[in-house]
Amino acid sequence: MKIRIIINIILLLSIASCVPQANWETYESSEGAFSVLVQGMPDLDNTEIDIIFGSVTLYMFIWDKTDIVYMIAFADYPEEVVSYSNPEDMLNAAKEGALENVQGEIISERNIELKGNPGKEIVISAKVEEAIATVHLYMVRNRLYQVLVITTEDDPQEDNVLKFLDSFDVQY
């Protein structure tokens, strides 16, 4: 009986190892001046956002998988907006916008940086969707980057979240 159990376990393990794993590859955006490790090609979208000095275009790169969504968005703010604001204020405004968009509550927040540029990491619980959003915000010159991953509360996929967020880089 023990031999049969061992054979079944070996068969199950060998079958599991034959399931193809999604390949992580570097995606580079010349217009966005960034690169990231991700699975597949993104859907691209953009929208105009009204700000106090007019409007800016928000460019979005979205990888919508069945159980996880990866997204990078960026907007270039006019120099006069950036020169009258400090990066911390702009990151805080972006954080408040993210909270409002997902109708969520902050689970955690900390300051981060990317190549000497200021940033924030926020983890948000979106109760409406029972989702967790992990967001990295970076202010690089006059460009605000939003790098985020959305998972379900019951399957947070921490390894994939970290792999995506930690691989994000800018070409400045």
Protein backbone atom coordinates (compact mmCIF):
# COMPACT_ATOMS: atom_id res chain seq x y z
CA MET A 1 0.00 0.00 0.00
CA LYS A 2 2.83 2.42 0.86
CA ILE A 3 4.43 1.82 -2.53
CA ARG A 4 1.19 2.67 -4.31
CA ILE A 5 0.92 5.95 -2.35
CA ILE A 6 4.52 6.84 -3.20
CA ILE A 7 3.92 6.06 -6.89
CA ASN A 8 0.80 8.26 -6.89
CA ILE A 9 2.71 11.12 -5.27
CA ILE A 10 5.53 10.81 -7.83
CA LEU A 11 3.00 10.77 -10.68
CA LEU A 12 1.23 13.84 -9.31
CA LEU A 13 4.50 15.72 -8.91
CA SER A 14 5.64 14.82 -12.41
CA ILE A 15 2.30 15.91 -13.89
CA ALA A 16 2.43 19.19 -11.95
CA SER A 17 5.92 19.91 -13.25
CA CYS A 18 4.66 19.52 -16.83
CA VAL A 19 2.15 22.37 -16.48
CA PRO A 20 3.62 25.30 -18.39
CA GLN A 21 4.61 28.24 -16.23
CA ALA A 22 3.99 31.74 -17.52
CA ASN A 23 7.22 33.35 -18.65
CA TRP A 24 8.25 36.63 -17.11
CA GLU A 25 9.91 38.87 -19.68
CA THR A 26 11.17 42.42 -19.68
CA TYR A 27 8.68 44.87 -21.16
CA GLU A 28 10.19 48.19 -22.20
CA SER A 29 8.31 51.36 -23.02
CA SER A 30 10.35 53.96 -24.87
CA GLU A 31 7.55 56.56 -24.61
CA GLY A 32 7.17 55.84 -20.89
CA ALA A 33 10.94 55.54 -20.32
CA PHE A 34 10.45 52.48 -18.10
CA SER A 35 10.98 48.74 -18.03
CA VAL A 36 9.39 46.00 -15.94
CA LEU A 37 9.27 42.21 -15.69
CA VAL A 38 5.81 40.96 -16.62
CA GLN A 39 3.88 38.21 -18.38
CA GLY A 40 2.65 39.11 -21.86
CA MET A 41 1.85 42.36 -23.63
CA PRO A 42 -0.23 45.14 -22.08
CA ASP A 43 -3.47 46.71 -23.16
CA LEU A 44 -2.79 50.40 -23.73
CA ASP A 45 -5.11 53.23 -22.85
CA ASN A 46 -4.96 56.92 -22.06
CA THR A 47 -7.27 59.56 -20.68
CA GLU A 48 -7.20 63.28 -20.03
CA ILE A 49 -7.23 64.40 -16.40
CA ASP A 50 -8.15 67.93 -15.39
CA ILE A 51 -5.72 69.63 -13.03
CA ILE A 52 -5.55 73.15 -11.64
CA PHE A 53 -3.39 74.39 -14.55
CA GLY A 54 -5.29 72.66 -17.37
CA SER A 55 -5.08 68.95 -18.10
CA VAL A 56 -2.56 66.14 -18.40
CA THR A 57 -2.69 62.86 -20.28
CA LEU A 58 -2.57 59.70 -18.17
CA TYR A 59 -0.99 56.85 -20.12
CA MET A 60 -1.88 53.36 -18.88
CA PHE A 61 -0.31 49.95 -19.51
CA ILE A 62 -2.56 47.18 -18.18
CA TRP A 63 -1.91 43.45 -17.90
CA ASP A 64 -5.26 41.97 -16.81
CA LYS A 65 -4.84 38.33 -15.86
CA THR A 66 -7.62 36.15 -14.47
CA ASP A 67 -6.65 36.52 -10.83
CA ILE A 68 -4.25 39.49 -10.83
CA VAL A 69 -4.00 42.87 -12.55
CA TYR A 70 -0.71 44.65 -13.18
CA MET A 71 -0.70 48.30 -14.22
CA ILE A 72 1.72 51.11 -14.89
CA ALA A 73 0.42 54.60 -15.48
CA PHE A 74 2.26 57.87 -15.92
CA ALA A 75 1.47 61.51 -16.48
CA ASP A 76 3.77 64.40 -17.33
CA TYR A 77 2.93 67.50 -15.34
CA PRO A 78 3.71 70.99 -16.61
CA GLU A 79 6.94 72.43 -15.21
CA GLU A 80 5.02 75.26 -13.51
CA VAL A 81 2.98 72.72 -11.52
CA VAL A 82 6.07 70.82 -10.44
CA SER A 83 8.04 73.98 -9.58
CA TYR A 84 5.22 75.28 -7.32
CA SER A 85 4.74 71.94 -5.56
CA ASN A 86 7.04 69.68 -3.65
CA PRO A 87 7.26 65.99 -4.60
CA GLU A 88 5.78 64.88 -1.27
CA ASP A 89 2.62 66.91 -1.90
CA MET A 90 2.25 65.45 -5.38
CA LEU A 91 2.75 61.89 -4.08
CA ASN A 92 0.20 62.50 -1.31
CA ALA A 93 -2.32 63.83 -3.84
CA ALA A 94 -1.77 60.73 -5.99
CA LYS A 95 -2.23 58.53 -2.90
CA GLU A 96 -5.55 60.23 -2.09
CA GLY A 97 -6.67 59.77 -5.71
CA ALA A 98 -5.81 56.07 -5.58
CA LEU A 99 -7.78 55.65 -2.34
CA GLU A 100 -10.77 57.40 -3.83
CA ASN A 101 -10.65 55.39 -7.07
CA VAL A 102 -10.81 52.03 -5.28
CA GLN A 103 -12.93 53.24 -2.36
CA GLY A 104 -10.37 51.72 -0.03
CA GLU A 105 -8.58 52.00 3.25
CA ILE A 106 -4.84 52.12 3.77
CA ILE A 107 -3.38 48.93 5.24
CA SER A 108 0.19 50.21 5.20
CA GLU A 109 2.22 53.11 3.84
CA ARG A 110 5.93 53.87 3.65
CA ASN A 111 8.32 56.15 1.82
CA ILE A 112 10.43 54.54 -0.92
CA GLU A 113 12.67 55.80 -3.68
CA LEU A 114 13.79 54.83 -7.15
CA LYS A 115 17.21 55.97 -8.37
CA GLY A 116 17.15 58.80 -5.86
CA ASN A 117 13.63 59.89 -6.82
CA PRO A 118 11.01 60.10 -4.05
CA GLY A 119 8.23 57.57 -3.85
CA LYS A 120 5.52 56.03 -1.69
CA GLU A 121 4.34 52.49 -1.28
CA ILE A 122 0.76 52.09 -0.18
CA VAL A 123 -1.21 48.91 0.34
CA ILE A 124 -4.95 49.45 0.06
CA SER A 125 -7.85 47.22 0.98
CA ALA A 126 -10.71 47.74 -1.47
CA LYS A 127 -13.67 46.30 0.41
CA VAL A 128 -16.10 46.68 -2.51
CA GLU A 129 -14.14 44.20 -4.61
CA GLU A 130 -12.51 42.30 -1.72
CA ALA A 131 -9.20 43.17 -3.32
CA ILE A 132 -5.77 44.31 -2.24
CA ALA A 133 -3.96 46.99 -4.25
CA THR A 134 -0.24 47.43 -3.74
CA VAL A 135 0.83 50.74 -5.26
CA HIS A 136 4.23 52.32 -5.84
CA LEU A 137 4.14 56.03 -6.68
CA TYR A 138 7.27 57.79 -7.95
CA MET A 139 7.90 61.41 -8.85
CA VAL A 140 10.67 61.47 -11.49
CA ARG A 141 11.35 65.02 -12.66
CA ASN A 142 7.92 66.18 -13.84
CA ARG A 143 6.56 62.67 -14.40
CA LEU A 144 4.38 60.83 -11.89
CA TYR A 145 4.56 57.04 -12.20
CA GLN A 146 1.92 54.79 -10.65
CA VAL A 147 2.93 51.13 -10.55
CA LEU A 148 0.31 48.85 -9.06
CA VAL A 149 -0.86 45.30 -8.64
CA ILE A 150 -4.38 44.26 -7.67
CA THR A 151 -5.06 40.82 -6.22
CA THR A 152 -7.87 39.20 -4.30
CA GLU A 153 -7.78 39.16 -0.50
CA ASP A 154 -7.89 35.35 -0.44
CA ASP A 155 -5.00 35.00 -2.94
CA PRO A 156 -2.58 37.92 -2.48
CA GLN A 157 0.15 36.34 -4.70
CA GLU A 158 2.91 38.11 -2.80
CA ASP A 159 5.73 36.63 -4.93
CA ASN A 160 4.21 37.93 -8.18
CA VAL A 161 3.43 41.31 -6.63
CA LEU A 162 7.01 41.75 -5.44
CA LYS A 163 8.51 40.48 -8.70
CA PHE A 164 6.55 43.06 -10.72
CA LEU A 165 6.99 46.02 -8.36
CA ASP A 166 10.67 45.38 -7.62
CA SER A 167 11.54 45.01 -11.31
CA PHE A 168 10.15 48.43 -12.29
CA ASP A 169 12.91 50.77 -13.48
CA VAL A 170 13.12 54.10 -15.25
CA GLN A 171 15.53 55.08 -18.00
CA TYR A 172 16.54 58.52 -16.79
